[in-house]
Amino acid sequence: MMLFPKEGVLITTPKKFDMLDFINRRRKQILVHSCVYYRFGTSIISDDKFDTWGYQLVDAELSHPKLAEKADYHEVFKDFNGSTGYYLPIGEPEIVNIAHRLIKMKEDNYGGNFR
């Protein structure tokens, strides 16, 4: 499964929707794109897409609190309300590496348009 597909590319999902996987994926996307924006001063996705992802995450966490507790970065996202990723730990090496790769992909392969 691709975490960050090019616009228009279908994501293959298992037949049974995995909410824990969804929460983990959204949290990582929020972290990475917050890093891209706040640490590197650029963006790959639109503000609207970030907001959509943030509010989808909050909704999933509120609807499935026990799964949210089991998901990666639980402590970090305890107070996340979907509006900003400014205060998130965007300096972790894994997050920074993914952000670098996405920025490079944006510059090299996609002509700057990930929206």
N, C-alpha and C. Protein backbone atom coordinates (compact mmCIF):
# COMPACT_ATOMS: atom_id res chain seq x y z
N MET A 1 0.84 -1.17 0.00
CA MET A 1 0.00 0.00 0.00
C MET A 1 0.89 1.23 0.00
N MET A 2 0.58 2.19 -0.84
CA MET A 2 1.36 3.43 -0.92
C MET A 2 0.83 4.43 0.10
N LEU A 3 1.75 5.06 0.83
CA LEU A 3 1.32 6.07 1.79
C LEU A 3 0.95 7.38 1.13
N PHE A 4 1.72 7.79 0.16
CA PHE A 4 1.54 9.11 -0.43
C PHE A 4 1.45 8.98 -1.95
N PRO A 5 0.34 8.52 -2.47
CA PRO A 5 0.24 8.30 -3.91
C PRO A 5 0.12 9.61 -4.69
N LYS A 6 0.52 9.56 -5.93
CA LYS A 6 0.33 10.68 -6.83
C LYS A 6 -1.17 10.87 -7.03
N GLU A 7 -1.61 12.11 -7.15
CA GLU A 7 -3.03 12.42 -7.33
C GLU A 7 -3.60 11.60 -8.48
N GLY A 8 -4.73 11.01 -8.28
CA GLY A 8 -5.40 10.23 -9.30
C GLY A 8 -5.04 8.75 -9.29
N VAL A 9 -4.05 8.37 -8.50
CA VAL A 9 -3.66 6.97 -8.41
C VAL A 9 -4.52 6.30 -7.34
N LEU A 10 -5.11 5.19 -7.68
CA LEU A 10 -5.94 4.48 -6.73
C LEU A 10 -5.06 3.76 -5.70
N ILE A 11 -5.49 3.77 -4.46
CA ILE A 11 -4.79 3.05 -3.41
C ILE A 11 -5.50 1.71 -3.24
N THR A 12 -4.72 0.65 -3.29
CA THR A 12 -5.33 -0.66 -3.07
C THR A 12 -5.43 -0.89 -1.57
N THR A 13 -6.58 -1.33 -1.14
CA THR A 13 -6.80 -1.59 0.28
C THR A 13 -7.28 -3.01 0.45
N PRO A 14 -7.05 -3.56 1.62
CA PRO A 14 -7.58 -4.90 1.87
C PRO A 14 -9.10 -4.89 1.82
N LYS A 15 -9.70 -6.04 1.60
CA LYS A 15 -11.16 -6.11 1.52
C LYS A 15 -11.81 -5.60 2.79
N LYS A 16 -11.24 -5.93 3.93
CA LYS A 16 -11.77 -5.45 5.19
C LYS A 16 -10.97 -4.19 5.57
N PHE A 17 -11.65 -3.08 5.75
CA PHE A 17 -11.00 -1.83 6.08
C PHE A 17 -10.33 -1.95 7.45
N ASP A 18 -9.09 -1.58 7.54
CA ASP A 18 -8.32 -1.68 8.77
C ASP A 18 -8.20 -0.28 9.39
N MET A 19 -9.02 0.00 10.39
CA MET A 19 -9.04 1.32 11.01
C MET A 19 -7.72 1.65 11.70
N LEU A 20 -7.08 0.67 12.31
CA LEU A 20 -5.79 0.93 12.95
C LEU A 20 -4.76 1.36 11.90
N ASP A 21 -4.75 0.70 10.77
CA ASP A 21 -3.85 1.08 9.68
C ASP A 21 -4.17 2.50 9.21
N PHE A 22 -5.44 2.81 9.10
CA PHE A 22 -5.84 4.15 8.66
C PHE A 22 -5.34 5.23 9.65
N ILE A 23 -5.52 5.00 10.94
CA ILE A 23 -5.07 5.96 11.95
C ILE A 23 -3.55 6.12 11.89
N ASN A 24 -2.84 5.00 11.80
CA ASN A 24 -1.38 5.07 11.69
C ASN A 24 -0.94 5.84 10.45
N ARG A 25 -1.59 5.57 9.32
CA ARG A 25 -1.23 6.25 8.06
C ARG A 25 -1.51 7.74 8.15
N ARG A 26 -2.68 8.11 8.65
CA ARG A 26 -3.01 9.54 8.75
C ARG A 26 -2.06 10.26 9.71
N ARG A 27 -1.73 9.63 10.82
CA ARG A 27 -0.80 10.27 11.76
C ARG A 27 0.55 10.51 11.10
N LYS A 28 1.03 9.53 10.38
CA LYS A 28 2.33 9.69 9.72
C LYS A 28 2.25 10.76 8.63
N GLN A 29 1.17 10.79 7.89
CA GLN A 29 1.00 11.82 6.87
C GLN A 29 0.98 13.21 7.49
N ILE A 30 0.27 13.36 8.59
CA ILE A 30 0.20 14.65 9.28
C ILE A 30 1.59 15.06 9.76
N LEU A 31 2.33 14.12 10.34
CA LEU A 31 3.69 14.41 10.80
C LEU A 31 4.60 14.82 9.65
N VAL A 32 4.59 14.05 8.58
CA VAL A 32 5.48 14.32 7.46
C VAL A 32 5.15 15.66 6.80
N HIS A 33 3.88 15.91 6.56
CA HIS A 33 3.53 17.15 5.87
C HIS A 33 3.66 18.37 6.79
N SER A 34 3.57 18.16 8.08
CA SER A 34 3.88 19.24 9.02
C SER A 34 5.37 19.55 8.98
N CYS A 35 6.19 18.52 8.87
CA CYS A 35 7.63 18.70 8.74
C CYS A 35 7.96 19.45 7.45
N VAL A 36 7.37 19.02 6.35
CA VAL A 36 7.59 19.69 5.06
C VAL A 36 7.26 21.17 5.18
N TYR A 37 6.16 21.48 5.81
CA TYR A 37 5.69 22.86 5.89
C TYR A 37 6.45 23.69 6.92
N TYR A 38 6.54 23.21 8.14
CA TYR A 38 7.12 24.02 9.22
C TYR A 38 8.64 23.96 9.28
N ARG A 39 9.23 22.85 8.91
CA ARG A 39 10.69 22.72 8.99
C ARG A 39 11.37 23.18 7.70
N PHE A 40 10.75 22.87 6.55
CA PHE A 40 11.39 23.16 5.27
C PHE A 40 10.73 24.30 4.50
N GLY A 41 9.66 24.84 5.03
CA GLY A 41 9.05 26.03 4.43
C GLY A 41 8.47 25.86 3.05
N THR A 42 7.98 24.68 2.76
CA THR A 42 7.34 24.45 1.48
C THR A 42 6.11 23.59 1.72
N SER A 43 5.39 23.29 0.67
CA SER A 43 4.25 22.39 0.82
C SER A 43 4.16 21.49 -0.39
N ILE A 44 3.62 20.34 -0.17
CA ILE A 44 3.43 19.35 -1.23
C ILE A 44 1.94 19.15 -1.47
N ILE A 45 1.17 19.28 -0.42
CA ILE A 45 -0.27 19.13 -0.53
C ILE A 45 -0.92 20.48 -0.20
N SER A 46 -2.15 20.63 -0.60
CA SER A 46 -2.86 21.87 -0.32
C SER A 46 -3.26 21.95 1.15
N ASP A 47 -3.50 23.16 1.62
CA ASP A 47 -4.00 23.34 2.99
C ASP A 47 -5.32 22.61 3.18
N ASP A 48 -6.16 22.63 2.16
CA ASP A 48 -7.45 21.92 2.25
C ASP A 48 -7.26 20.42 2.44
N LYS A 49 -6.29 19.84 1.73
CA LYS A 49 -6.04 18.40 1.88
C LYS A 49 -5.52 18.10 3.28
N PHE A 50 -4.61 18.95 3.79
CA PHE A 50 -4.10 18.75 5.15
C PHE A 50 -5.25 18.82 6.15
N ASP A 51 -6.11 19.82 6.00
CA ASP A 51 -7.26 19.95 6.90
C ASP A 51 -8.16 18.72 6.83
N THR A 52 -8.42 18.24 5.63
CA THR A 52 -9.25 17.05 5.46
C THR A 52 -8.63 15.86 6.18
N TRP A 53 -7.33 15.64 5.96
CA TRP A 53 -6.65 14.54 6.64
C TRP A 53 -6.71 14.70 8.15
N GLY A 54 -6.47 15.91 8.63
CA GLY A 54 -6.49 16.16 10.07
C GLY A 54 -7.85 15.86 10.68
N TYR A 55 -8.90 16.33 10.04
CA TYR A 55 -10.24 16.11 10.59
C TYR A 55 -10.69 14.66 10.43
N GLN A 56 -10.24 13.99 9.36
CA GLN A 56 -10.51 12.56 9.23
C GLN A 56 -9.85 11.79 10.37
N LEU A 57 -8.62 12.18 10.70
CA LEU A 57 -7.91 11.52 11.79
C LEU A 57 -8.62 11.73 13.11
N VAL A 58 -8.99 12.96 13.40
CA VAL A 58 -9.69 13.25 14.66
C VAL A 58 -10.98 12.46 14.73
N ASP A 59 -11.73 12.42 13.65
CA ASP A 59 -12.98 11.67 13.63
C ASP A 59 -12.74 10.18 13.88
N ALA A 60 -11.72 9.62 13.23
CA ALA A 60 -11.41 8.20 13.42
C ALA A 60 -10.98 7.92 14.85
N GLU A 61 -10.19 8.80 15.43
CA GLU A 61 -9.73 8.61 16.81
C GLU A 61 -10.89 8.70 17.80
N LEU A 62 -11.79 9.63 17.58
CA LEU A 62 -12.94 9.77 18.47
C LEU A 62 -13.91 8.60 18.32
N SER A 63 -14.03 8.09 17.11
CA SER A 63 -14.93 6.96 16.85
C SER A 63 -14.35 5.63 17.32
N HIS A 64 -13.03 5.56 17.42
CA HIS A 64 -12.35 4.31 17.77
C HIS A 64 -11.24 4.59 18.79
N PRO A 65 -11.61 5.03 20.00
CA PRO A 65 -10.59 5.45 20.97
C PRO A 65 -9.63 4.33 21.39
N LYS A 66 -10.11 3.11 21.48
CA LYS A 66 -9.21 2.01 21.88
C LYS A 66 -8.17 1.73 20.81
N LEU A 67 -8.57 1.80 19.55
CA LEU A 67 -7.60 1.64 18.46
C LEU A 67 -6.63 2.81 18.43
N ALA A 68 -7.13 4.01 18.67
CA ALA A 68 -6.26 5.19 18.68
C ALA A 68 -5.18 5.06 19.74
N GLU A 69 -5.53 4.45 20.87
CA GLU A 69 -4.53 4.25 21.93
C GLU A 69 -3.45 3.26 21.52
N LYS A 70 -3.80 2.30 20.68
CA LYS A 70 -2.85 1.29 20.21
C LYS A 70 -1.99 1.80 19.06
N ALA A 71 -2.42 2.84 18.38
CA ALA A 71 -1.75 3.32 17.18
C ALA A 71 -0.42 4.01 17.51
N ASP A 72 0.44 4.07 16.51
CA ASP A 72 1.72 4.75 16.64
C ASP A 72 1.50 6.22 17.01
N TYR A 73 2.44 6.77 17.75
CA TYR A 73 2.44 8.19 18.13
C TYR A 73 1.23 8.59 18.97
N HIS A 74 0.71 7.66 19.76
CA HIS A 74 -0.48 7.96 20.55
C HIS A 74 -0.30 9.18 21.45
N GLU A 75 0.79 9.22 22.19
CA GLU A 75 1.01 10.33 23.12
C GLU A 75 1.11 11.67 22.38
N VAL A 76 1.72 11.66 21.24
CA VAL A 76 1.91 12.87 20.44
C VAL A 76 0.58 13.43 19.96
N PHE A 77 -0.36 12.56 19.62
CA PHE A 77 -1.62 12.99 19.03
C PHE A 77 -2.76 13.08 20.04
N LYS A 78 -2.47 12.95 21.32
CA LYS A 78 -3.53 13.00 22.33
C LYS A 78 -4.36 14.28 22.25
N ASP A 79 -3.72 15.42 22.04
CA ASP A 79 -4.42 16.71 22.02
C ASP A 79 -4.59 17.27 20.61
N PHE A 80 -4.32 16.46 19.60
CA PHE A 80 -4.42 16.93 18.22
C PHE A 80 -5.89 17.17 17.87
N ASN A 81 -6.18 18.37 17.34
CA ASN A 81 -7.57 18.69 17.00
C ASN A 81 -7.80 18.83 15.49
N GLY A 82 -6.76 18.56 14.71
CA GLY A 82 -6.91 18.61 13.26
C GLY A 82 -6.55 19.94 12.63
N SER A 83 -6.35 20.97 13.42
CA SER A 83 -6.17 22.30 12.85
C SER A 83 -4.73 22.63 12.48
N THR A 84 -3.74 22.07 13.17
CA THR A 84 -2.35 22.39 12.89
C THR A 84 -1.43 21.27 13.34
N GLY A 85 -0.31 21.17 12.67
CA GLY A 85 0.73 20.23 13.07
C GLY A 85 1.95 20.94 13.61
N TYR A 86 1.78 22.20 13.94
CA TYR A 86 2.90 23.05 14.36
C TYR A 86 3.66 22.48 15.55
N TYR A 87 2.97 21.96 16.53
CA TYR A 87 3.60 21.53 17.78
C TYR A 87 4.01 20.05 17.77
N LEU A 88 3.82 19.36 16.67
CA LEU A 88 4.14 17.94 16.61
C LEU A 88 5.66 17.74 16.49
N PRO A 89 6.16 16.55 16.87
CA PRO A 89 7.60 16.28 16.81
C PRO A 89 8.07 16.01 15.38
N ILE A 90 8.28 17.05 14.63
CA ILE A 90 8.59 16.94 13.21
C ILE A 90 10.08 16.78 12.92
N GLY A 91 10.88 16.66 13.97
CA GLY A 91 12.32 16.52 13.78
C GLY A 91 12.84 15.10 13.90
N GLU A 92 11.95 14.13 14.11
CA GLU A 92 12.40 12.74 14.21
C GLU A 92 13.00 12.31 12.87
N PRO A 93 14.13 11.59 12.91
CA PRO A 93 14.82 11.22 11.67
C PRO A 93 13.94 10.54 10.62
N GLU A 94 13.08 9.61 11.04
CA GLU A 94 12.21 8.93 10.07
C GLU A 94 11.31 9.93 9.35
N ILE A 95 10.75 10.86 10.09
CA ILE A 95 9.84 11.86 9.51
C ILE A 95 10.61 12.80 8.58
N VAL A 96 11.77 13.27 9.03
CA VAL A 96 12.59 14.17 8.22
C VAL A 96 13.02 13.49 6.92
N ASN A 97 13.42 12.22 6.99
CA ASN A 97 13.84 11.49 5.79
C ASN A 97 12.71 11.36 4.78
N ILE A 98 11.52 11.03 5.26
CA ILE A 98 10.37 10.92 4.35
C ILE A 98 10.07 12.29 3.74
N ALA A 99 10.10 13.32 4.56
CA ALA A 99 9.84 14.68 4.06
C ALA A 99 10.84 15.05 2.97
N HIS A 100 12.12 14.77 3.20
CA HIS A 100 13.15 15.05 2.19
C HIS A 100 12.85 14.31 0.88
N ARG A 101 12.50 13.04 0.99
CA ARG A 101 12.21 12.26 -0.22
C ARG A 101 11.02 12.84 -0.98
N LEU A 102 9.98 13.23 -0.26
CA LEU A 102 8.80 13.79 -0.94
C LEU A 102 9.12 15.13 -1.60
N ILE A 103 9.89 15.95 -0.92
CA ILE A 103 10.27 17.24 -1.51
C ILE A 103 11.09 17.00 -2.78
N LYS A 104 12.02 16.06 -2.73
CA LYS A 104 12.83 15.75 -3.90
C LYS A 104 11.95 15.20 -5.03
N MET A 105 11.00 14.31 -4.70
CA MET A 105 10.09 13.80 -5.72
C MET A 105 9.30 14.94 -6.35
N LYS A 106 8.84 15.85 -5.54
CA LYS A 106 8.08 17.00 -6.03
C LYS A 106 8.93 17.79 -7.03
N GLU A 107 10.17 18.04 -6.65
CA GLU A 107 11.05 18.84 -7.51
C GLU A 107 11.48 18.09 -8.77
N ASP A 108 11.80 16.81 -8.64
CA ASP A 108 12.36 16.04 -9.75
C ASP A 108 11.34 15.45 -10.71
N ASN A 109 10.29 14.89 -10.16
CA ASN A 109 9.41 14.06 -10.98
C ASN A 109 8.05 14.65 -11.30
N TYR A 110 7.56 15.47 -10.44
CA TYR A 110 6.17 15.87 -10.59
C TYR A 110 5.98 17.34 -10.89
N GLY A 111 7.04 18.03 -11.24
CA GLY A 111 6.92 19.41 -11.62
C GLY A 111 6.31 20.29 -10.53
N GLY A 112 6.44 19.86 -9.30
CA GLY A 112 5.96 20.68 -8.20
C GLY A 112 4.48 20.58 -7.91
N ASN A 113 3.77 19.62 -8.53
CA ASN A 113 2.33 19.57 -8.30
C ASN A 113 1.90 18.24 -7.68
N PHE A 114 1.74 18.25 -6.35
CA PHE A 114 1.23 17.09 -5.63
C PHE A 114 -0.20 17.31 -5.19
N ARG A 115 -0.77 18.42 -5.51
CA ARG A 115 -2.08 18.78 -5.03
C ARG A 115 -3.10 17.99 -5.75
